[in-house]
Protein backbone atom coordinates (compact mmCIF):
# COMPACT_ATOMS: atom_id res chain seq x y z
CA MET A 1 -14.74 -8.40 -5.57
CA ASN A 2 -16.69 -10.82 -7.73
CA PHE A 3 -15.74 -9.49 -11.16
CA ASP A 4 -12.39 -10.76 -12.48
CA LEU A 5 -10.66 -7.62 -13.72
CA GLU A 6 -7.53 -9.47 -14.79
CA SER A 7 -9.47 -11.80 -17.08
CA TYR A 8 -11.46 -8.86 -18.41
CA ILE A 9 -8.26 -7.04 -19.42
CA LYS A 10 -6.71 -10.17 -20.94
CA ASN A 11 -9.81 -10.83 -23.06
CA LYS A 12 -10.00 -7.21 -24.14
CA ILE A 13 -6.39 -7.27 -25.38
CA LEU A 14 -6.81 -10.62 -27.12
CA LYS A 15 -9.91 -9.35 -28.91
CA TYR A 16 -8.92 -5.78 -29.77
CA GLY A 17 -5.14 -5.61 -29.39
CA PRO A 18 -2.80 -3.82 -26.96
CA ILE A 19 -4.28 -1.09 -24.76
CA THR A 20 -2.87 2.21 -23.55
CA ILE A 21 -1.61 2.57 -20.00
CA ALA A 22 -4.37 5.12 -19.43
CA GLU A 23 -7.00 2.54 -20.34
CA TYR A 24 -5.35 -0.06 -18.11
CA MET A 25 -5.33 2.37 -15.17
CA SER A 26 -8.94 3.39 -15.77
CA ILE A 27 -10.14 -0.20 -15.75
CA ILE A 28 -8.37 -1.36 -12.62
CA SER A 29 -9.08 1.83 -10.67
CA TYR A 30 -12.51 2.97 -11.80
CA LYS A 31 -14.47 0.19 -13.50
CA LYS A 32 -17.93 0.33 -11.99
CA HIS A 33 -18.55 -2.08 -9.09
CA SER A 34 -15.17 -3.80 -9.52
CA GLY A 35 -12.36 -1.22 -9.77
CA TYR A 36 -10.05 -0.56 -6.83
CA TYR A 37 -11.87 2.58 -5.68
CA SER A 38 -15.20 0.73 -5.77
CA SER A 39 -14.20 -1.67 -3.03
CA HIS A 40 -11.23 -0.40 -0.99
CA LYS A 41 -11.14 2.05 1.88
CA ILE A 42 -8.51 4.77 1.95
CA GLY A 43 -5.94 3.56 4.45
CA ASP A 44 -6.11 -0.14 3.54
CA ASP A 45 -3.03 0.15 1.34
CA PHE A 46 -1.72 3.70 1.72
CA ILE A 47 -2.01 6.53 4.20
CA THR A 48 -2.71 10.20 3.51
CA SER A 49 -1.84 13.35 5.46
CA PRO A 50 -5.34 13.87 6.94
CA GLN A 51 -5.00 10.40 8.52
CA ILE A 52 -1.52 11.13 9.81
CA SER A 53 -2.65 14.27 11.62
CA LYS A 54 -6.19 15.51 12.16
CA SER A 55 -4.65 18.98 12.51
CA PHE A 56 -3.70 18.91 8.82
CA GLY A 57 -7.22 19.71 7.62
CA GLY A 58 -7.82 22.18 10.40
CA LEU A 59 -4.74 24.18 9.51
CA ILE A 60 -5.70 24.30 5.85
CA ALA A 61 -9.21 25.41 6.86
CA LEU A 62 -7.75 28.33 8.84
CA TRP A 63 -5.52 29.17 5.87
CA PHE A 64 -8.55 29.32 3.56
CA TYR A 65 -10.34 31.55 6.10
CA GLN A 66 -7.40 33.98 6.20
CA LEU A 67 -7.39 34.18 2.41
CA TRP A 68 -11.14 34.83 2.43
CA LYS A 69 -10.67 37.68 4.90
CA LYS A 70 -7.84 39.13 2.85
CA TYR A 71 -9.24 38.84 -0.68
CA PHE A 72 -12.94 37.91 -0.61
CA TYR A 73 -14.33 39.20 2.68
CA SER A 74 -18.14 39.14 2.88
CA GLN A 75 -18.43 37.29 -0.45
CA LYS A 76 -20.03 33.89 -0.85
CA ILE A 77 -17.60 31.06 -1.67
CA THR A 78 -18.13 27.86 -3.65
CA PHE A 79 -15.96 25.40 -1.70
CA ILE A 80 -14.95 22.31 -3.70
CA GLU A 81 -12.99 19.18 -2.87
CA LEU A 82 -11.88 16.87 -5.67
CA GLY A 83 -11.83 13.24 -4.56
CA SER A 84 -12.64 13.35 -0.85
CA GLY A 85 -11.31 9.83 -0.13
CA ASN A 86 -12.68 8.66 3.21
CA GLY A 87 -13.88 12.17 4.10
CA ASP A 88 -11.29 12.86 6.82
CA LEU A 89 -9.93 16.04 5.26
CA MET A 90 -13.34 17.61 4.63
CA ARG A 91 -14.52 16.64 8.12
CA SER A 92 -11.48 18.28 9.72
CA MET A 93 -11.92 21.45 7.68
CA ILE A 94 -15.65 21.71 8.36
CA LYS A 95 -15.10 21.38 12.11
CA ILE A 96 -12.97 24.54 11.92
CA PHE A 97 -15.35 26.35 9.56
CA ILE A 98 -18.21 25.81 12.02
CA GLN A 99 -16.26 27.74 14.66
CA ILE A 100 -16.06 30.75 12.32
CA PRO A 101 -19.73 31.60 11.64
CA GLU A 102 -18.97 34.61 9.45
CA PHE A 103 -17.11 32.30 7.05
CA PHE A 104 -19.18 29.13 7.52
CA ASP A 105 -22.38 30.95 6.58
CA LYS A 106 -20.83 32.13 3.31
CA ILE A 107 -19.67 28.79 1.89
CA SER A 108 -21.44 26.10 -0.07
CA ILE A 109 -19.75 22.71 0.27
CA ASN A 110 -19.28 20.54 -2.81
CA ILE A 111 -17.48 17.22 -3.27
CA VAL A 112 -16.56 15.67 -6.63
CA GLU A 113 -16.45 11.89 -6.23
CA ASN A 114 -16.87 9.09 -8.80
CA SER A 115 -16.81 6.17 -6.39
CA GLU A 116 -20.19 5.29 -4.88
CA PHE A 117 -18.31 3.16 -2.35
CA LEU A 118 -16.23 6.10 -1.10
CA LYS A 119 -19.18 8.49 -1.35
CA GLU A 120 -21.09 6.41 1.21
CA GLU A 121 -18.16 6.59 3.62
CA GLN A 122 -17.92 10.36 3.10
CA LYS A 123 -21.64 10.79 3.78
CA GLU A 124 -21.29 8.83 7.00
CA LYS A 125 -18.36 11.02 8.12
CA LEU A 126 -20.17 14.25 7.27
CA THR A 127 -23.70 13.41 8.41
CA PHE A 128 -23.21 15.58 11.52
CA LEU A 129 -23.18 18.65 9.30
CA SER A 130 -26.79 18.32 8.18
CA GLN A 131 -28.04 16.90 11.47
CA LEU A 132 -26.48 19.46 13.79
CA HIS A 133 -25.86 22.49 11.61
CA LYS A 134 -28.47 22.27 8.85
CA LYS A 135 -25.77 22.59 6.21
CA LYS A 136 -26.01 20.53 3.04
CA VAL A 137 -23.08 18.84 1.32
CA ASN A 138 -23.49 18.49 -2.45
CA TRP A 139 -21.95 15.50 -4.25
CA PHE A 140 -21.12 15.44 -7.97
CA THR A 141 -19.39 12.97 -10.28
CA ASP A 142 -17.83 15.70 -12.43
CA LEU A 143 -16.46 19.15 -11.64
CA GLY A 144 -18.41 20.63 -14.56
CA GLU A 145 -21.71 19.68 -12.91
CA ILE A 146 -21.29 22.23 -10.12
CA GLU A 147 -23.22 25.46 -10.61
CA ILE A 148 -20.73 28.21 -9.87
CA ASN A 149 -21.67 31.86 -9.41
CA SER A 150 -19.14 33.00 -6.81
CA PRO A 151 -15.38 32.79 -6.16
CA ILE A 152 -14.15 29.23 -5.65
CA PHE A 153 -11.95 27.67 -3.02
CA LEU A 154 -10.81 24.30 -4.38
CA ILE A 155 -8.71 21.61 -2.76
CA ALA A 156 -7.44 18.34 -4.22
CA ASN A 157 -5.41 16.19 -1.84
CA GLU A 158 -3.79 13.13 -3.47
CA PHE A 159 -6.34 13.22 -6.26
CA PHE A 160 -4.36 13.88 -9.44
CA ASP A 161 -1.84 11.07 -8.85
CA CYS A 162 -4.52 8.39 -9.37
CA LEU A 163 -5.77 9.79 -12.68
CA PRO A 164 -4.83 7.79 -15.81
CA ILE A 165 -1.69 8.63 -17.76
CA ASN A 166 -0.40 7.80 -21.23
CA GLN A 167 3.26 6.95 -21.62
CA PHE A 168 5.39 7.64 -24.68
CA PHE A 169 8.96 6.73 -25.54
CA TYR A 170 11.11 8.95 -27.73
CA GLN A 171 13.69 6.91 -29.62
CA ASN A 172 15.80 7.76 -32.68
CA ASP A 173 13.92 11.07 -33.00
CA THR A 174 10.63 9.17 -33.28
CA LEU A 175 7.77 9.15 -30.81
CA HIS A 176 6.20 5.81 -29.83
CA GLU A 177 3.37 5.10 -27.42
CA ILE A 178 3.95 2.52 -24.72
CA LEU A 179 1.10 0.00 -24.72
CA ILE A 180 0.19 -3.06 -22.66
CA ASN A 181 0.00 -6.41 -24.43
CA PHE A 182 -0.82 -9.95 -23.30
CA ASP A 183 0.95 -13.14 -24.35
CA GLU A 184 -1.69 -15.87 -24.14
CA GLN A 185 0.83 -18.69 -24.61
CA ASN A 186 2.92 -17.61 -21.63
CA ASN A 187 -0.02 -16.07 -19.73
CA LYS A 188 1.97 -12.88 -19.25
CA PHE A 189 1.39 -9.13 -19.60
CA SER A 190 4.14 -7.04 -21.18
CA TYR A 191 4.87 -3.61 -22.61
CA CYS A 192 5.16 -2.92 -26.32
CA LEU A 193 5.80 0.15 -28.49
CA SER A 194 3.46 1.50 -31.15
CA LYS A 195 3.90 4.22 -33.76
CA LYS A 196 0.13 4.69 -33.70
CA LEU A 197 -0.35 7.39 -31.07
CA SER A 198 -3.34 8.38 -28.95
CA ASN A 199 -4.52 11.99 -28.86
CA SER A 200 -2.46 12.63 -25.74
CA GLN A 201 0.50 13.11 -28.08
CA TYR A 202 -0.77 16.63 -28.82
CA LEU A 203 -0.23 17.64 -25.20
CA ILE A 204 3.48 16.77 -25.22
CA HIS A 205 5.75 19.76 -24.84
CA LYS A 206 8.56 19.80 -27.38
CA ASN A 207 11.11 20.08 -24.56
CA TYR A 208 10.11 16.58 -23.45
CA LEU A 209 11.26 15.06 -26.74
CA ILE A 210 14.61 13.68 -25.63
CA ASN A 211 15.92 10.43 -27.05
CA ASN A 212 15.56 7.37 -24.85
CA LYS A 213 13.31 9.16 -22.37
CA ILE A 214 9.78 8.27 -21.25
CA ILE A 215 7.14 10.99 -21.38
CA GLU A 216 4.05 10.82 -19.16
CA ILE A 217 0.91 12.75 -20.06
CA SER A 218 -2.30 12.85 -18.04
CA THR A 219 -5.02 14.17 -20.32
CA SER A 220 -7.52 14.01 -17.46
CA SER A 221 -5.34 16.12 -15.17
CA ILE A 222 -4.69 18.73 -17.85
CA ASN A 223 -8.37 18.96 -18.80
CA ILE A 224 -9.45 19.35 -15.17
CA CYS A 225 -6.90 22.13 -14.63
CA LYS A 226 -8.02 23.82 -17.85
CA TYR A 227 -11.52 23.94 -16.42
CA ILE A 228 -10.25 25.22 -13.07
CA ASN A 229 -8.39 27.90 -15.02
CA GLN A 230 -11.64 28.85 -16.79
CA ILE A 231 -13.70 29.20 -13.63
CA LEU A 232 -10.92 31.10 -11.86
CA THR A 233 -10.76 33.42 -14.86
CA ARG A 234 -14.48 34.13 -14.55
CA PHE A 235 -15.08 34.00 -10.79
CA CYS A 236 -11.57 34.22 -9.17
CA GLY A 237 -10.58 32.20 -6.12
CA ILE A 238 -7.97 29.82 -4.74
CA SER A 239 -6.87 26.34 -5.86
CA LEU A 240 -4.77 24.07 -3.66
CA ILE A 241 -3.40 20.85 -5.20
CA ILE A 242 -1.53 18.57 -2.79
CA ASP A 243 0.13 15.51 -4.28
CA TYR A 244 3.40 13.80 -5.01
CA GLY A 245 5.11 14.61 -8.26
CA TYR A 246 7.89 16.44 -10.01
CA SER A 247 8.60 20.04 -10.99
CA GLN A 248 11.17 19.31 -13.69
CA PHE A 249 11.16 16.83 -16.56
CA PHE A 250 11.25 13.30 -15.09
CA GLY A 251 12.11 11.23 -18.17
CA LYS A 252 11.24 7.78 -16.82
CA SER A 253 8.22 5.79 -15.68
CA SER A 254 6.70 6.87 -12.38
CA LEU A 255 3.98 4.22 -12.34
CA GLN A 256 3.71 2.43 -9.03
CA LYS A 257 1.41 0.08 -7.20
CA ILE A 258 0.91 0.07 -3.44
CA TYR A 259 -0.43 -2.95 -1.59
CA LYS A 260 -0.68 -3.10 2.20
CA HIS A 261 1.61 -0.06 2.46
CA LYS A 262 4.36 -1.63 0.38
CA LYS A 263 5.40 -0.84 -3.15
CA ILE A 264 4.82 -3.55 -5.77
CA SER A 265 7.50 -3.56 -8.47
CA ASN A 266 5.32 -5.21 -11.14
CA ILE A 267 2.22 -3.15 -12.03
CA PHE A 268 0.58 -6.31 -13.44
CA ASP A 269 0.41 -7.96 -10.00
CA ASN A 270 -2.63 -7.76 -7.69
CA ILE A 271 -4.88 -6.30 -10.40
CA GLY A 272 -7.86 -4.66 -8.74
CA TYR A 273 -6.48 -5.24 -5.23
CA ALA A 274 -3.68 -2.67 -5.17
CA ASP A 275 -3.65 1.08 -5.70
CA ILE A 276 -2.01 2.24 -8.93
CA SER A 277 -0.76 5.79 -9.36
CA SER A 278 1.89 7.96 -10.97
CA HIS A 279 3.77 11.11 -10.08
CA VAL A 280 1.98 14.34 -10.94
CA ASN A 281 3.60 16.53 -13.59
CA PHE A 282 3.32 19.91 -11.85
CA LEU A 283 5.01 21.57 -14.81
CA ASP A 284 2.01 20.76 -16.98
CA LEU A 285 -0.50 21.80 -14.32
CA MET A 286 1.15 25.18 -13.74
CA GLY A 287 1.32 25.76 -17.48
CA VAL A 288 -2.43 25.24 -17.75
CA LEU A 289 -3.29 27.42 -14.72
CA GLU A 290 -2.05 30.41 -16.66
CA VAL A 291 -4.36 33.09 -15.20
CA CYS A 292 -3.13 32.38 -11.68
CA ASP A 293 -0.33 33.43 -9.43
CA ASN A 294 1.20 29.97 -8.90
CA LYS A 295 3.51 28.90 -6.11
CA LEU A 296 4.88 25.39 -5.69
CA TYR A 297 6.03 24.14 -2.29
CA THR A 298 7.15 20.86 -0.83
CA GLN A 299 4.47 19.75 1.59
CA LYS A 300 6.81 20.30 4.53
CA ASP A 301 7.67 23.82 3.33
CA PHE A 302 3.97 24.60 2.89
CA LEU A 303 3.20 23.52 6.46
CA SER A 304 6.19 25.55 7.62
CA HIS A 305 4.71 28.47 5.66
CA LEU A 306 1.60 28.00 7.83
CA LYS A 307 3.86 28.39 10.90
CA VAL A 308 3.36 24.85 12.11
CA GLU A 309 6.84 23.38 12.29
CA LYS A 310 5.82 20.56 14.65
CA ILE A 311 3.08 19.30 12.32
CA ALA A 312 5.40 19.71 9.34
CA ASN A 313 8.08 17.58 10.96
CA ASN A 314 5.53 14.94 12.06
CA VAL A 315 4.04 14.63 8.56
CA ASP A 316 7.50 14.51 7.01
CA LYS A 317 8.67 11.81 9.44
CA ARG A 318 5.61 9.61 8.87
CA ILE A 319 6.06 9.89 5.11
CA TYR A 320 9.63 8.69 5.37
CA ASP A 321 8.72 5.96 7.87
CA SER A 322 5.93 4.60 5.65
CA GLN A 323 8.49 2.66 3.49
CA LEU A 324 6.52 3.49 0.35
CA GLU A 325 9.46 5.17 -1.29
CA GLU A 326 12.66 6.57 0.13
CA SER A 327 12.24 9.96 -1.53
CA MET A 328 8.52 10.33 -0.78
CA GLY A 329 9.12 13.24 1.59
CA ASN A 330 10.64 15.25 -1.23
CA LEU A 331 8.04 14.18 -3.79
CA PHE A 332 5.05 15.56 -1.91
CA LYS A 333 4.24 19.00 -3.22
CA VAL A 334 1.63 21.72 -2.83
CA LEU A 335 0.56 23.87 -5.77
CA TYR A 336 -1.09 27.07 -4.56
CA SER A 337 -2.85 28.96 -7.35
CA LYS A 338 -4.50 32.32 -6.73
CA LYS A 339 -6.67 34.58 -8.91
CA VAL A 340 -8.00 37.64 -7.09
CA ASN A 341 -8.17 40.35 -9.77
CA PHE A 342 -11.78 40.77 -10.83
């Protein structure tokens, strides 16, 4: 990585003043040609369920097929994955879809991916589809670019956790935004509080306003789910969001960095070389997906729901053994949202 992201952020703060946490996350994760996802393979620093077990994607593919038979039989489906990573999940699902011609022939396959680096890896993993089965995969940089005219099946596996968040601190009945500053004299990043608030403040639920608590808001996540809600309202379908997060008010910072499969305590270390993420606020996502029948599972309970106890136990064990966080097994959740009433 030739571009010095750390110096870029320092100079930006010195010139314009403290930046929001969302801006900090956006720069180090997504800045073109130099952000983390522009130069790092999935698996270098953290592992995902499709890498733990190739059966993971296959089981989800069969689950989608059963839902198609039950609710959308004979209809065409717009199949969408948000953030396909290294392509393992989509590859596993497609290998099952191919074995079910009545379903495979009805789906169009669409991937939303911002990283050109990861997109190339995905294309390499999925090239067999066009070569052997004459099926095209469509790539987009934004969900809104996809032309939808049929029910959707959407999956997002460990996608929302890497989207930028704003943090606020409620103190003495006053809301402050937590910003990132840089002390040039001591060559050190630090947090600071500001009474000048970004527009994310308008997304804060009043129940989150508790003194001495931190509030995390992901405008990107909420806006994406609002759009999913809109297309499900119009076309119906299924949304499956798999990620780690919380289902009740958290009240503290969930920001974390992972480098070489170990958690870094200081988010200002290894800028551009470590993955930065936060826990997903499933309360907010479910509130936005208002037209849907929503069910929230732990990942292990969801796999058990699919009648695959052995896979569920294997995934759960690997999550605990990964040493990323002691409670990771409980943090992983699956939000299943369904809209089938036309």
